[in-house]
Amino acid sequence: MKGLINMKDNKWIFLSALLLSCSIVFSSIYLGNSIKTTSTPVNTEPVETKISSPDLLTKEEAAAYLNLSDTMFNLILKNEEEDKSGRRSYPTHKYIHSLNLYGQEYFSIKQLDQWIEYHLYNEF
C-alpha cells in the first residue's frame, strides 16, 4: 500500500513540477516580448543643451554685451587673471568672474554690470 501512495504522490509532484516549469517558460517569453516592444532605445550620444537663462552669457555673448571684440575680452580676462594671481584679497567687482559648467564658461550679466560700474568710478 505504501508503494501505491508514493506512486500517486509522485504523479502529482511530477505534474505540479511540469505545470510550474511550463508557466515559468511561457511567462518569461511573454515578458521578454513585452519588454522588446515597449522599451525605447537608449541614446548614448551627448545631448547639447542651450542655456535659456537671460542672466548667463557665454564668453562670446559677454564680449558682445560689453561691446568688445573676442580678442579684447580674452586679453582683459588674461590680464585680470595675472593681476589676481599675486593678490590675497581684492575688491569683488574689480575682476570679471565666470562660472565653469561642463567645460563651458558663463558670465553673469549682473556681475558684468557691476564690473562696468566699478571701473567707471575707479582707475582701470
N, C-alpha and C. Protein backbone atom coordinates (compact mmCIF):
# COMPACT_ATOMS: atom_id res chain seq x y z
N MET A 1 0.80 -1.17 0.00
CA MET A 1 0.00 0.00 0.00
C MET A 1 0.86 1.26 0.00
N LYS A 2 1.96 1.24 0.74
CA LYS A 2 2.85 2.38 0.79
C LYS A 2 3.39 2.72 -0.58
N GLY A 3 3.79 1.74 -1.34
CA GLY A 3 4.33 1.96 -2.67
C GLY A 3 3.30 2.57 -3.59
N LEU A 4 2.03 2.21 -3.41
CA LEU A 4 0.95 2.74 -4.23
C LEU A 4 0.70 4.21 -3.93
N ILE A 5 0.74 4.60 -2.68
CA ILE A 5 0.54 6.01 -2.30
C ILE A 5 1.71 6.83 -2.81
N ASN A 6 2.89 6.32 -2.73
CA ASN A 6 4.06 7.03 -3.25
C ASN A 6 3.95 7.22 -4.75
N MET A 7 3.40 6.24 -5.46
CA MET A 7 3.23 6.36 -6.92
C MET A 7 2.26 7.49 -7.23
N LYS A 8 1.17 7.56 -6.47
CA LYS A 8 0.19 8.63 -6.70
C LYS A 8 0.79 9.98 -6.33
N ASP A 9 1.49 10.05 -5.22
CA ASP A 9 2.13 11.30 -4.80
C ASP A 9 3.18 11.74 -5.82
N ASN A 10 3.97 10.80 -6.30
CA ASN A 10 4.99 11.11 -7.30
C ASN A 10 4.36 11.64 -8.58
N LYS A 11 3.19 11.09 -8.94
CA LYS A 11 2.50 11.51 -10.14
C LYS A 11 2.07 12.97 -10.01
N TRP A 12 1.51 13.34 -8.85
CA TRP A 12 1.08 14.72 -8.64
C TRP A 12 2.27 15.68 -8.53
N ILE A 13 3.31 15.24 -7.92
CA ILE A 13 4.52 16.07 -7.81
C ILE A 13 5.09 16.30 -9.20
N PHE A 14 5.13 15.25 -10.01
CA PHE A 14 5.63 15.38 -11.38
C PHE A 14 4.77 16.34 -12.19
N LEU A 15 3.43 16.20 -12.10
CA LEU A 15 2.53 17.08 -12.83
C LEU A 15 2.64 18.53 -12.34
N SER A 16 2.79 18.72 -11.05
CA SER A 16 2.95 20.07 -10.49
C SER A 16 4.24 20.71 -10.98
N ALA A 17 5.32 19.95 -10.97
CA ALA A 17 6.61 20.47 -11.43
C ALA A 17 6.55 20.79 -12.92
N LEU A 18 5.89 19.94 -13.70
CA LEU A 18 5.75 20.18 -15.14
C LEU A 18 4.93 21.44 -15.40
N LEU A 19 3.83 21.60 -14.68
CA LEU A 19 2.98 22.78 -14.82
C LEU A 19 3.73 24.05 -14.41
N LEU A 20 4.44 23.97 -13.32
CA LEU A 20 5.23 25.13 -12.85
C LEU A 20 6.30 25.51 -13.86
N SER A 21 7.04 24.55 -14.39
CA SER A 21 8.11 24.86 -15.36
C SER A 21 7.53 25.42 -16.65
N CYS A 22 6.37 24.89 -17.10
CA CYS A 22 5.73 25.44 -18.31
C CYS A 22 5.29 26.88 -18.08
N SER A 23 4.73 27.17 -16.92
CA SER A 23 4.27 28.54 -16.65
C SER A 23 5.47 29.50 -16.56
N ILE A 24 6.58 29.05 -16.03
CA ILE A 24 7.78 29.89 -15.97
C ILE A 24 8.30 30.19 -17.37
N VAL A 25 8.34 29.17 -18.22
CA VAL A 25 8.82 29.36 -19.60
C VAL A 25 7.91 30.31 -20.36
N PHE A 26 6.61 30.10 -20.30
CA PHE A 26 5.67 30.96 -21.04
C PHE A 26 5.66 32.39 -20.51
N SER A 27 5.75 32.55 -19.19
CA SER A 27 5.76 33.91 -18.65
C SER A 27 7.05 34.64 -19.01
N SER A 28 8.18 33.93 -19.07
CA SER A 28 9.42 34.60 -19.49
C SER A 28 9.36 35.00 -20.95
N ILE A 29 8.78 34.17 -21.78
CA ILE A 29 8.64 34.52 -23.20
C ILE A 29 7.71 35.73 -23.33
N TYR A 30 6.60 35.72 -22.61
CA TYR A 30 5.65 36.84 -22.66
C TYR A 30 6.29 38.14 -22.18
N LEU A 31 6.99 38.09 -21.04
CA LEU A 31 7.65 39.29 -20.51
C LEU A 31 8.76 39.78 -21.44
N GLY A 32 9.51 38.86 -22.00
CA GLY A 32 10.59 39.23 -22.92
C GLY A 32 10.05 39.95 -24.14
N ASN A 33 8.96 39.45 -24.70
CA ASN A 33 8.36 40.08 -25.87
C ASN A 33 7.77 41.45 -25.52
N SER A 34 7.17 41.56 -24.36
CA SER A 34 6.58 42.85 -23.99
C SER A 34 7.67 43.89 -23.72
N ILE A 35 8.78 43.47 -23.17
CA ILE A 35 9.90 44.41 -22.94
C ILE A 35 10.48 44.88 -24.26
N LYS A 36 10.61 43.98 -25.23
CA LYS A 36 11.15 44.36 -26.54
C LYS A 36 10.27 45.40 -27.23
N THR A 37 8.96 45.25 -27.12
CA THR A 37 8.06 46.14 -27.85
C THR A 37 7.85 47.47 -27.14
N THR A 38 7.99 47.52 -25.83
CA THR A 38 7.70 48.76 -25.12
C THR A 38 8.94 49.58 -24.79
N SER A 39 10.11 48.97 -24.83
CA SER A 39 11.29 49.74 -24.44
C SER A 39 11.76 50.62 -25.59
N THR A 40 12.31 51.78 -25.22
CA THR A 40 12.87 52.68 -26.21
C THR A 40 14.38 52.57 -26.15
N PRO A 41 15.04 52.69 -27.29
CA PRO A 41 16.49 52.58 -27.28
C PRO A 41 17.13 53.72 -26.49
N VAL A 42 18.22 53.41 -25.84
CA VAL A 42 18.94 54.41 -25.06
C VAL A 42 19.84 55.20 -25.99
N ASN A 43 19.73 56.51 -25.91
CA ASN A 43 20.56 57.39 -26.72
C ASN A 43 21.87 57.63 -25.98
N THR A 44 22.97 57.18 -26.56
CA THR A 44 24.27 57.32 -25.90
C THR A 44 25.03 58.54 -26.37
N GLU A 45 24.49 59.26 -27.36
CA GLU A 45 25.17 60.44 -27.84
C GLU A 45 24.95 61.59 -26.87
N PRO A 46 25.96 62.47 -26.71
CA PRO A 46 25.79 63.60 -25.80
C PRO A 46 24.71 64.55 -26.29
N VAL A 47 23.96 65.07 -25.36
CA VAL A 47 22.88 65.98 -25.70
C VAL A 47 23.36 67.40 -25.46
N GLU A 48 23.27 68.23 -26.49
CA GLU A 48 23.64 69.62 -26.34
C GLU A 48 22.42 70.40 -25.90
N THR A 49 22.59 71.14 -24.80
CA THR A 49 21.50 71.97 -24.33
C THR A 49 21.97 73.41 -24.30
N LYS A 50 21.08 74.27 -24.62
CA LYS A 50 21.38 75.69 -24.59
C LYS A 50 20.89 76.25 -23.26
N ILE A 51 21.65 77.18 -22.73
CA ILE A 51 21.23 77.87 -21.52
C ILE A 51 20.21 78.91 -21.95
N SER A 52 19.01 78.79 -21.43
CA SER A 52 17.97 79.71 -21.84
C SER A 52 17.83 80.85 -20.83
N SER A 53 18.68 80.84 -19.83
CA SER A 53 18.62 81.87 -18.82
C SER A 53 19.14 83.19 -19.39
N PRO A 54 18.36 84.24 -19.25
CA PRO A 54 18.84 85.53 -19.75
C PRO A 54 19.91 86.14 -18.85
N ASP A 55 20.20 85.52 -17.72
CA ASP A 55 21.18 86.06 -16.79
C ASP A 55 22.60 85.56 -17.05
N LEU A 56 22.75 84.48 -17.82
CA LEU A 56 24.07 83.91 -18.08
C LEU A 56 24.42 84.05 -19.55
N LEU A 57 25.66 84.41 -19.80
CA LEU A 57 26.14 84.58 -21.17
C LEU A 57 27.37 83.73 -21.39
N THR A 58 27.55 83.26 -22.62
CA THR A 58 28.79 82.59 -22.98
C THR A 58 29.88 83.65 -23.12
N LYS A 59 31.11 83.21 -23.32
CA LYS A 59 32.22 84.16 -23.45
C LYS A 59 31.99 85.10 -24.63
N GLU A 60 31.56 84.57 -25.74
CA GLU A 60 31.31 85.39 -26.93
C GLU A 60 30.17 86.37 -26.69
N GLU A 61 29.12 85.91 -26.02
CA GLU A 61 27.99 86.78 -25.72
C GLU A 61 28.37 87.87 -24.73
N ALA A 62 29.22 87.52 -23.75
CA ALA A 62 29.68 88.51 -22.77
C ALA A 62 30.52 89.58 -23.46
N ALA A 63 31.37 89.18 -24.38
CA ALA A 63 32.18 90.15 -25.13
C ALA A 63 31.27 91.08 -25.92
N ALA A 64 30.26 90.53 -26.56
CA ALA A 64 29.33 91.35 -27.33
C ALA A 64 28.53 92.26 -26.40
N TYR A 65 28.16 91.77 -25.22
CA TYR A 65 27.41 92.57 -24.25
C TYR A 65 28.24 93.78 -23.82
N LEU A 66 29.54 93.58 -23.67
CA LEU A 66 30.44 94.67 -23.27
C LEU A 66 30.89 95.50 -24.47
N ASN A 67 30.43 95.13 -25.65
CA ASN A 67 30.79 95.80 -26.90
C ASN A 67 32.31 95.73 -27.14
N LEU A 68 32.87 94.55 -26.88
CA LEU A 68 34.29 94.30 -27.08
C LEU A 68 34.46 93.18 -28.09
N SER A 69 35.60 93.18 -28.77
CA SER A 69 35.90 92.04 -29.64
C SER A 69 36.26 90.84 -28.75
N ASP A 70 36.17 89.65 -29.32
CA ASP A 70 36.54 88.45 -28.56
C ASP A 70 37.99 88.53 -28.12
N THR A 71 38.85 89.05 -28.99
CA THR A 71 40.28 89.17 -28.68
C THR A 71 40.50 90.10 -27.50
N MET A 72 39.83 91.26 -27.52
CA MET A 72 39.99 92.23 -26.43
C MET A 72 39.44 91.67 -25.12
N PHE A 73 38.30 90.99 -25.18
CA PHE A 73 37.72 90.40 -23.98
C PHE A 73 38.65 89.34 -23.39
N ASN A 74 39.21 88.49 -24.25
CA ASN A 74 40.16 87.47 -23.78
C ASN A 74 41.41 88.11 -23.19
N LEU A 75 41.86 89.21 -23.76
CA LEU A 75 43.03 89.92 -23.24
C LEU A 75 42.74 90.49 -21.85
N ILE A 76 41.56 91.05 -21.68
CA ILE A 76 41.17 91.58 -20.36
C ILE A 76 41.13 90.45 -19.34
N LEU A 77 40.51 89.34 -19.71
CA LEU A 77 40.44 88.19 -18.79
C LEU A 77 41.83 87.69 -18.42
N LYS A 78 42.73 87.62 -19.41
CA LYS A 78 44.10 87.15 -19.16
C LYS A 78 44.83 88.11 -18.23
N ASN A 79 44.73 89.41 -18.50
CA ASN A 79 45.40 90.40 -17.65
C ASN A 79 44.86 90.39 -16.23
N GLU A 80 43.54 90.24 -16.10
CA GLU A 80 42.96 90.19 -14.77
C GLU A 80 43.40 88.93 -14.01
N GLU A 81 43.50 87.83 -14.71
CA GLU A 81 43.95 86.58 -14.07
C GLU A 81 45.38 86.72 -13.57
N GLU A 82 46.24 87.35 -14.36
CA GLU A 82 47.63 87.57 -13.94
C GLU A 82 47.68 88.51 -12.74
N ASP A 83 46.85 89.55 -12.76
CA ASP A 83 46.83 90.51 -11.65
C ASP A 83 46.30 89.87 -10.37
N LYS A 84 45.27 89.03 -10.50
CA LYS A 84 44.68 88.35 -9.34
C LYS A 84 45.64 87.35 -8.71
N SER A 85 46.46 86.72 -9.54
CA SER A 85 47.30 85.63 -9.02
C SER A 85 48.28 86.10 -7.96
N GLY A 86 48.68 87.34 -7.98
CA GLY A 86 49.63 87.83 -6.98
C GLY A 86 48.96 88.43 -5.76
N ARG A 87 47.66 88.42 -5.69
CA ARG A 87 46.94 89.06 -4.58
C ARG A 87 46.25 88.03 -3.69
N ARG A 88 46.19 88.38 -2.41
CA ARG A 88 45.44 87.53 -1.47
C ARG A 88 44.00 88.00 -1.34
N SER A 89 43.79 89.30 -1.53
CA SER A 89 42.43 89.84 -1.48
C SER A 89 42.33 90.99 -2.48
N TYR A 90 41.11 91.27 -2.89
CA TYR A 90 40.88 92.33 -3.88
C TYR A 90 39.41 92.72 -3.84
N PRO A 91 39.08 93.90 -4.34
CA PRO A 91 37.67 94.30 -4.40
C PRO A 91 36.88 93.33 -5.28
N THR A 92 35.69 92.99 -4.86
CA THR A 92 34.88 91.96 -5.53
C THR A 92 34.66 92.24 -7.01
N HIS A 93 34.32 93.47 -7.34
CA HIS A 93 33.90 93.76 -8.71
C HIS A 93 35.04 94.28 -9.59
N LYS A 94 36.25 94.20 -9.09
CA LYS A 94 37.38 94.67 -9.89
C LYS A 94 37.64 93.73 -11.07
N TYR A 95 37.32 92.46 -10.90
CA TYR A 95 37.62 91.46 -11.93
C TYR A 95 36.33 90.84 -12.46
N ILE A 96 36.39 90.37 -13.69
CA ILE A 96 35.26 89.67 -14.29
C ILE A 96 35.30 88.22 -13.81
N HIS A 97 34.23 87.80 -13.19
CA HIS A 97 34.15 86.43 -12.67
C HIS A 97 33.31 85.59 -13.61
N SER A 98 33.65 84.31 -13.69
CA SER A 98 32.90 83.41 -14.56
C SER A 98 32.55 82.14 -13.80
N LEU A 99 31.63 81.41 -14.39
CA LEU A 99 31.19 80.13 -13.85
C LEU A 99 31.50 79.08 -14.90
N ASN A 100 32.21 78.03 -14.51
CA ASN A 100 32.58 76.99 -15.46
C ASN A 100 31.67 75.78 -15.25
N LEU A 101 30.84 75.49 -16.26
CA LEU A 101 29.94 74.34 -16.22
C LEU A 101 30.25 73.41 -17.38
N TYR A 102 30.68 72.20 -17.07
CA TYR A 102 30.97 71.18 -18.08
C TYR A 102 31.91 71.70 -19.16
N GLY A 103 32.93 72.43 -18.75
CA GLY A 103 33.93 72.91 -19.69
C GLY A 103 33.54 74.17 -20.44
N GLN A 104 32.37 74.71 -20.18
CA GLN A 104 31.92 75.94 -20.84
C GLN A 104 31.89 77.06 -19.80
N GLU A 105 32.43 78.21 -20.18
CA GLU A 105 32.49 79.35 -19.29
C GLU A 105 31.26 80.23 -19.48
N TYR A 106 30.64 80.63 -18.36
CA TYR A 106 29.47 81.50 -18.40
C TYR A 106 29.72 82.73 -17.53
N PHE A 107 29.12 83.84 -17.94
CA PHE A 107 29.28 85.11 -17.25
C PHE A 107 27.92 85.65 -16.87
N SER A 108 27.81 86.19 -15.66
CA SER A 108 26.56 86.76 -15.17
C SER A 108 26.44 88.20 -15.67
N ILE A 109 25.28 88.54 -16.21
CA ILE A 109 25.04 89.91 -16.66
C ILE A 109 25.12 90.87 -15.49
N LYS A 110 24.58 90.45 -14.36
CA LYS A 110 24.60 91.30 -13.17
C LYS A 110 26.04 91.61 -12.75
N GLN A 111 26.90 90.60 -12.76
CA GLN A 111 28.30 90.83 -12.39
C GLN A 111 29.04 91.66 -13.43
N LEU A 112 28.69 91.47 -14.70
CA LEU A 112 29.31 92.30 -15.75
C LEU A 112 28.91 93.76 -15.56
N ASP A 113 27.66 94.01 -15.20
CA ASP A 113 27.21 95.37 -14.93
C ASP A 113 27.95 95.97 -13.73
N GLN A 114 28.16 95.17 -12.70
CA GLN A 114 28.89 95.64 -11.52
C GLN A 114 30.35 95.90 -11.86
N TRP A 115 30.93 95.10 -12.74
CA TRP A 115 32.31 95.31 -13.19
C TRP A 115 32.41 96.64 -13.94
N ILE A 116 31.44 96.90 -14.82
CA ILE A 116 31.43 98.18 -15.56
C ILE A 116 31.33 99.34 -14.57
N GLU A 117 30.40 99.24 -13.63
CA GLU A 117 30.20 100.32 -12.65
C GLU A 117 31.46 100.55 -11.82
N TYR A 118 32.11 99.48 -11.40
CA TYR A 118 33.35 99.60 -10.61
C TYR A 118 34.39 100.38 -11.41
N HIS A 119 34.55 100.05 -12.68
CA HIS A 119 35.60 100.67 -13.48
C HIS A 119 35.21 102.07 -13.97
N LEU A 120 33.95 102.42 -13.90
CA LEU A 120 33.55 103.79 -14.22
C LEU A 120 34.05 104.76 -13.15
N TYR A 121 34.08 104.30 -11.91
CA TYR A 121 34.43 105.17 -10.80
C TYR A 121 35.82 104.91 -10.24
N ASN A 122 36.52 103.94 -10.76
CA ASN A 122 37.86 103.62 -10.28
C ASN A 122 38.81 103.58 -11.48
N GLU A 123 40.08 103.69 -11.18
CA GLU A 123 41.09 103.65 -12.24
C GLU A 123 41.13 102.26 -12.86
N PHE A 124 41.18 102.20 -14.15
CA PHE A 124 41.17 100.92 -14.88
C PHE A 124 42.48 100.26 -14.82
